Amino acid sequence: MTRRIFKVAVWMSCAVAWAQSGLVAPRAGFVLDAQGEVRPAMGIAGNFWLGAGVASGTAASFGALGGFVQDAGGVSVLDAGGRVVKRIAARGAMAFGFAPNGAPALVYFAAAHEIGRIAAPPMVRVRVEADLAALAEADAANAWAVVREDGGLSRVKIALATGAEVSREALVGVAEPVMILPDGTVVFERERNVVLRDTSGAERQIPVTFDATGFTSLGEGWIAAAGKDGTEFAIRTAAGREGAWQLPEEAR
């Protein structure tokens, strides 16, 4: 209890200091808290606090220019300030992908095996003959995806116009939970290290103190990782600045 009170005091003092300075506190991104509220993660590495909720749902993922919030009736597309700009009615499991600039770009509707392209008015959906564990927009014509197969996981490039495979590579030693970045880098956990494996096979490892149960995009240069005990961590992925920090306990 004392430790928790100390943490809260640190976060509150940081928030007050920023407010008194007249400056706007930096924001790492948005997270889904234990009550299902999407809230901005404010502050700097090691001293985060959560701002007021901007939406509610059961799953959320954010890039630099906006994000997705899923609920029982579908998914809302939000802008960088947390305002809803598009609503998509849908049910069932989904995965979300971002463009290289951090804009919300793709939704994978698992039940239909279809990828929807957010930028197209109206949204264009294309069927893919695969079960996707994660996806991201590589460029205007292609998506990167992690595909589930009987033999394990593969990194696949998919043509967004047709749903056809452009390339495929088995991901040896990679297991779920997993996510993929717009440059094709695969993120997974191995022996309490968050591993980033790029398309050349080179790896960067970020030591962590938890076993990951899931990864989502948090914001520009940040991903969120959930621990088995319900704790949530912010992982900074920028080369040379990697690190992992626990988010406030209000986050799931």
Protein backbone atom coordinates (compact mmCIF):
# COMPACT_ATOMS: atom_id res chain seq x y z
CA MET A 1 0.00 0.00 0.00
CA THR A 2 2.82 2.40 0.90
CA ARG A 3 4.49 1.73 -2.44
CA ARG A 4 1.27 2.47 -4.30
CA ILE A 5 0.72 5.72 -2.37
CA PHE A 6 4.28 6.77 -3.23
CA LYS A 7 3.69 6.08 -6.93
CA VAL A 8 0.46 8.08 -6.93
CA ALA A 9 2.24 10.95 -5.17
CA VAL A 10 4.98 10.99 -7.82
CA TRP A 11 2.46 10.99 -10.69
CA MET A 12 0.39 13.75 -9.03
CA SER A 13 3.45 15.91 -8.38
CA CYS A 14 4.49 15.56 -12.03
CA ALA A 15 1.02 16.52 -13.21
CA VAL A 16 0.90 19.55 -10.90
CA ALA A 17 4.38 20.65 -12.00
CA TRP A 18 3.40 20.55 -15.65
CA ALA A 19 0.16 22.42 -14.96
CA GLN A 20 1.94 25.16 -13.01
CA SER A 21 4.54 25.59 -15.74
CA GLY A 22 1.87 26.35 -18.32
CA LEU A 23 3.33 23.70 -20.62
CA VAL A 24 1.50 20.77 -22.14
CA ALA A 25 2.71 17.46 -20.74
CA PRO A 26 4.08 15.03 -23.34
CA ARG A 27 1.79 12.17 -24.28
CA ALA A 28 3.07 8.68 -25.07
CA GLY A 29 -0.30 7.58 -26.43
CA PHE A 30 -3.62 6.15 -25.27
CA VAL A 31 -4.33 3.08 -23.13
CA LEU A 32 -7.42 1.13 -22.09
CA ASP A 33 -7.84 1.18 -18.30
CA ALA A 34 -9.36 -1.49 -16.07
CA GLN A 35 -12.81 0.12 -16.34
CA GLY A 36 -12.77 0.06 -20.14
CA GLU A 37 -11.98 3.77 -20.51
CA VAL A 38 -9.52 4.93 -23.17
CA ARG A 39 -7.23 7.46 -21.47
CA PRO A 40 -4.12 9.36 -22.55
CA ALA A 41 -0.84 8.20 -20.97
CA MET A 42 0.84 11.47 -20.05
CA GLY A 43 4.32 12.31 -18.80
CA ILE A 44 7.76 10.90 -19.48
CA ALA A 45 9.32 7.45 -19.22
CA GLY A 46 9.07 6.23 -15.64
CA ASN A 47 6.65 9.00 -14.59
CA PHE A 48 3.37 8.43 -16.39
CA TRP A 49 -0.11 9.38 -15.30
CA LEU A 50 -3.46 8.81 -17.01
CA GLY A 51 -5.60 11.69 -18.22
CA ALA A 52 -9.38 11.87 -18.53
CA GLY A 53 -11.15 9.22 -20.61
CA VAL A 54 -11.99 10.02 -24.23
CA ALA A 55 -13.92 6.85 -25.14
CA SER A 56 -14.87 3.44 -23.77
CA GLY A 57 -14.65 -0.05 -25.19
CA THR A 58 -13.24 -3.54 -24.90
CA ALA A 59 -10.07 -3.08 -26.98
CA ALA A 60 -8.05 -0.12 -28.22
CA SER A 61 -4.95 0.58 -30.30
CA PHE A 62 -3.37 3.94 -31.17
CA GLY A 63 -0.76 5.35 -33.52
CA ALA A 64 0.66 8.85 -33.86
CA LEU A 65 -2.32 10.20 -35.82
CA GLY A 66 -5.26 8.37 -34.25
CA GLY A 67 -6.54 4.99 -33.24
CA PHE A 68 -9.24 2.36 -32.93
CA VAL A 69 -11.64 1.59 -30.08
CA GLN A 70 -13.68 -1.61 -30.30
CA ASP A 71 -16.92 -2.24 -28.41
CA ALA A 72 -19.81 -4.69 -28.64
CA GLY A 73 -21.33 -2.97 -31.68
CA GLY A 74 -18.27 -2.29 -33.78
CA VAL A 75 -15.22 -0.07 -33.90
CA SER A 76 -14.73 3.69 -33.70
CA VAL A 77 -11.88 5.39 -35.53
CA LEU A 78 -10.47 8.30 -33.51
CA ASP A 79 -8.22 11.17 -34.52
CA ALA A 80 -5.01 12.14 -32.71
CA GLY A 81 -6.97 14.09 -30.11
CA GLY A 82 -9.25 11.18 -29.25
CA ARG A 83 -12.31 12.39 -31.20
CA VAL A 84 -14.42 9.90 -33.17
CA VAL A 85 -14.17 10.50 -36.93
CA LYS A 86 -15.66 7.25 -38.26
CA ARG A 87 -17.85 4.44 -36.96
CA ILE A 88 -17.85 0.89 -38.38
CA ALA A 89 -20.58 -1.55 -37.37
CA ALA A 90 -19.10 -5.02 -36.90
CA ARG A 91 -18.99 -7.90 -34.43
CA GLY A 92 -16.40 -10.47 -33.42
CA ALA A 93 -12.64 -10.50 -33.13
CA MET A 94 -10.66 -7.81 -34.94
CA ALA A 95 -7.06 -6.71 -35.38
CA PHE A 96 -5.94 -3.18 -36.19
CA GLY A 97 -3.14 -1.85 -38.36
CA PHE A 98 -1.49 1.53 -38.78
CA ALA A 99 0.14 3.29 -41.72
CA PRO A 100 3.85 4.24 -41.63
CA ASN A 101 2.88 7.78 -40.54
CA GLY A 102 0.88 6.40 -37.59
CA ALA A 103 -2.58 6.94 -39.08
CA PRO A 104 -5.32 4.32 -38.50
CA ALA A 105 -5.28 2.31 -41.71
CA LEU A 106 -6.56 -1.26 -41.56
CA VAL A 107 -9.06 -3.43 -39.71
CA TYR A 108 -8.99 -7.22 -39.96
CA PHE A 109 -12.42 -8.79 -39.43
CA ALA A 110 -11.49 -12.28 -38.25
CA ALA A 111 -14.87 -13.97 -38.75
CA ALA A 112 -15.05 -12.87 -42.40
CA HIS A 113 -11.29 -13.14 -43.11
CA GLU A 114 -11.45 -9.65 -44.59
CA ILE A 115 -9.20 -6.58 -44.38
CA GLY A 116 -10.93 -3.20 -44.42
CA ARG A 117 -9.06 -0.11 -45.61
CA ILE A 118 -10.02 2.89 -43.49
CA ALA A 119 -8.82 5.62 -45.86
CA ALA A 120 -11.08 4.53 -48.70
CA PRO A 121 -14.49 6.32 -48.73
CA PRO A 122 -16.50 4.12 -48.33
CA MET A 123 -14.30 1.53 -46.63
CA VAL A 124 -13.08 -1.16 -49.04
CA ARG A 125 -12.94 -4.74 -47.76
CA VAL A 126 -10.89 -7.51 -49.38
CA ARG A 127 -10.94 -11.19 -48.45
CA VAL A 128 -7.69 -12.92 -47.46
CA GLU A 129 -7.22 -16.69 -47.41
CA ALA A 130 -5.39 -16.65 -44.08
CA ASP A 131 -5.88 -16.28 -40.35
CA LEU A 132 -4.14 -13.07 -39.29
CA ALA A 133 -2.70 -12.60 -35.82
CA ALA A 134 -1.52 -9.03 -36.54
CA LEU A 135 -1.27 -6.57 -39.42
CA ALA A 136 0.06 -3.15 -40.44
CA GLU A 137 0.06 -1.08 -43.63
CA ALA A 138 3.42 -1.37 -45.39
CA ASP A 139 2.53 1.19 -48.09
CA ALA A 140 -0.51 2.26 -50.09
CA ALA A 141 -0.54 -1.03 -51.99
CA ASN A 142 0.51 -3.62 -49.41
CA ALA A 143 0.08 -4.79 -45.85
CA TRP A 144 2.37 -6.72 -43.55
CA ALA A 145 0.70 -9.49 -41.57
CA VAL A 146 1.56 -12.24 -39.14
CA VAL A 147 -0.33 -15.33 -40.29
CA ARG A 148 -1.27 -18.30 -38.13
CA GLU A 149 -0.62 -21.73 -39.63
CA ASP A 150 -0.50 -25.30 -38.33
CA GLY A 151 3.29 -25.16 -38.35
CA GLY A 152 3.54 -21.82 -36.54
CA LEU A 153 3.59 -18.18 -37.59
CA SER A 154 4.70 -16.54 -40.84
CA ARG A 155 5.39 -12.95 -41.90
CA VAL A 156 3.39 -12.32 -45.06
CA LYS A 157 3.10 -9.31 -47.36
CA ILE A 158 -0.42 -8.98 -48.77
CA ALA A 159 -1.59 -6.95 -51.80
CA LEU A 160 -4.40 -4.75 -50.50
CA ALA A 161 -6.17 -4.56 -53.86
CA THR A 162 -6.64 -8.32 -54.19
CA GLY A 163 -5.79 -10.00 -50.88
CA ALA A 164 -3.12 -12.09 -52.64
CA GLU A 165 0.20 -12.95 -50.99
CA VAL A 166 3.24 -11.07 -52.28
CA SER A 167 5.82 -12.77 -50.07
CA ARG A 168 6.00 -15.22 -47.15
CA GLU A 169 8.61 -16.04 -44.51
CA ALA A 170 8.35 -18.51 -41.63
CA LEU A 171 8.89 -16.85 -38.24
CA VAL A 172 11.10 -19.39 -36.53
CA GLY A 173 11.11 -19.09 -32.75
CA VAL A 174 8.22 -16.63 -32.67
CA ALA A 175 5.03 -17.33 -30.71
CA GLU A 176 1.94 -15.34 -29.81
CA PRO A 177 1.30 -12.79 -28.48
CA VAL A 178 2.75 -10.93 -31.42
CA MET A 179 2.36 -7.68 -33.32
CA ILE A 180 3.85 -6.27 -36.50
CA LEU A 181 4.97 -2.72 -37.30
CA PRO A 182 4.56 -0.89 -40.65
CA ASP A 183 8.21 -1.57 -41.56
CA GLY A 184 7.64 -5.32 -41.14
CA THR A 185 9.30 -5.60 -37.73
CA VAL A 186 7.72 -8.36 -35.65
CA VAL A 187 7.32 -7.80 -31.91
CA PHE A 188 7.11 -10.77 -29.54
CA GLU A 189 8.31 -11.93 -26.12
CA ARG A 190 11.06 -14.46 -25.47
CA GLU A 191 12.42 -15.36 -22.04
CA ARG A 192 11.35 -12.04 -20.51
CA ASN A 193 12.68 -9.97 -23.35
CA VAL A 194 10.48 -8.01 -25.75
CA VAL A 195 12.09 -8.84 -29.09
CA LEU A 196 11.91 -6.71 -32.25
CA ARG A 197 12.90 -8.75 -35.31
CA ASP A 198 13.15 -6.78 -38.56
CA THR A 199 12.76 -8.08 -42.11
CA SER A 200 16.50 -8.86 -42.35
CA GLY A 201 16.26 -11.13 -39.31
CA ALA A 202 18.23 -8.78 -37.04
CA GLU A 203 16.87 -8.54 -33.50
CA ARG A 204 16.80 -5.97 -30.73
CA GLN A 205 15.88 -7.12 -27.22
CA ILE A 206 14.32 -5.08 -24.44
CA PRO A 207 14.58 -6.74 -21.00
CA VAL A 208 11.29 -6.81 -19.07
CA THR A 209 10.13 -8.10 -15.70
CA PHE A 210 6.88 -9.71 -16.83
CA ASP A 211 5.46 -12.41 -19.11
CA ALA A 212 3.51 -10.69 -21.87
CA THR A 213 -0.06 -11.72 -22.64
CA GLY A 214 -0.63 -9.18 -25.41
CA PHE A 215 0.76 -6.24 -27.38
CA THR A 216 -1.00 -3.19 -28.80
CA SER A 217 0.13 0.05 -30.38
CA LEU A 218 0.25 2.85 -27.80
CA GLY A 219 1.46 5.83 -29.84
CA GLU A 220 4.38 7.08 -31.89
CA GLY A 221 7.44 5.02 -30.95
CA TRP A 222 5.57 3.23 -28.15
CA ILE A 223 3.74 -0.06 -27.74
CA ALA A 224 1.77 -1.34 -24.76
CA ALA A 225 2.33 -4.79 -23.28
CA ALA A 226 -0.01 -6.52 -20.84
CA GLY A 227 1.35 -8.71 -18.05
CA LYS A 228 -0.30 -11.86 -16.68
CA ASP A 229 -1.24 -10.11 -13.44
CA GLY A 230 -3.15 -7.37 -15.26
CA THR A 231 -0.39 -4.79 -15.15
CA GLU A 232 0.29 -2.71 -18.26
CA PHE A 233 3.67 -1.55 -19.52
CA ALA A 234 4.78 1.10 -21.99
CA ILE A 235 7.59 -0.14 -24.27
CA ARG A 236 9.67 2.45 -26.12
CA THR A 237 10.88 0.98 -29.41
CA ALA A 238 13.08 3.77 -30.83
CA ALA A 239 16.55 2.42 -31.61
CA GLY A 240 19.01 3.41 -28.90
CA ARG A 241 16.21 4.55 -26.58
CA GLU A 242 14.50 1.22 -25.87
CA GLY A 243 13.00 0.60 -22.47
CA ALA A 244 9.98 -0.67 -20.52
CA TRP A 245 8.08 1.16 -17.79
CA GLN A 246 4.98 0.19 -15.86
CA LEU A 247 1.92 2.33 -16.43
CA PRO A 248 -0.27 3.50 -13.54
CA GLU A 249 -2.31 0.75 -11.91
CA GLU A 250 -5.53 2.18 -13.34
CA ALA A 251 -4.41 0.74 -16.70
CA ARG A 252 -5.33 -2.85 -17.42
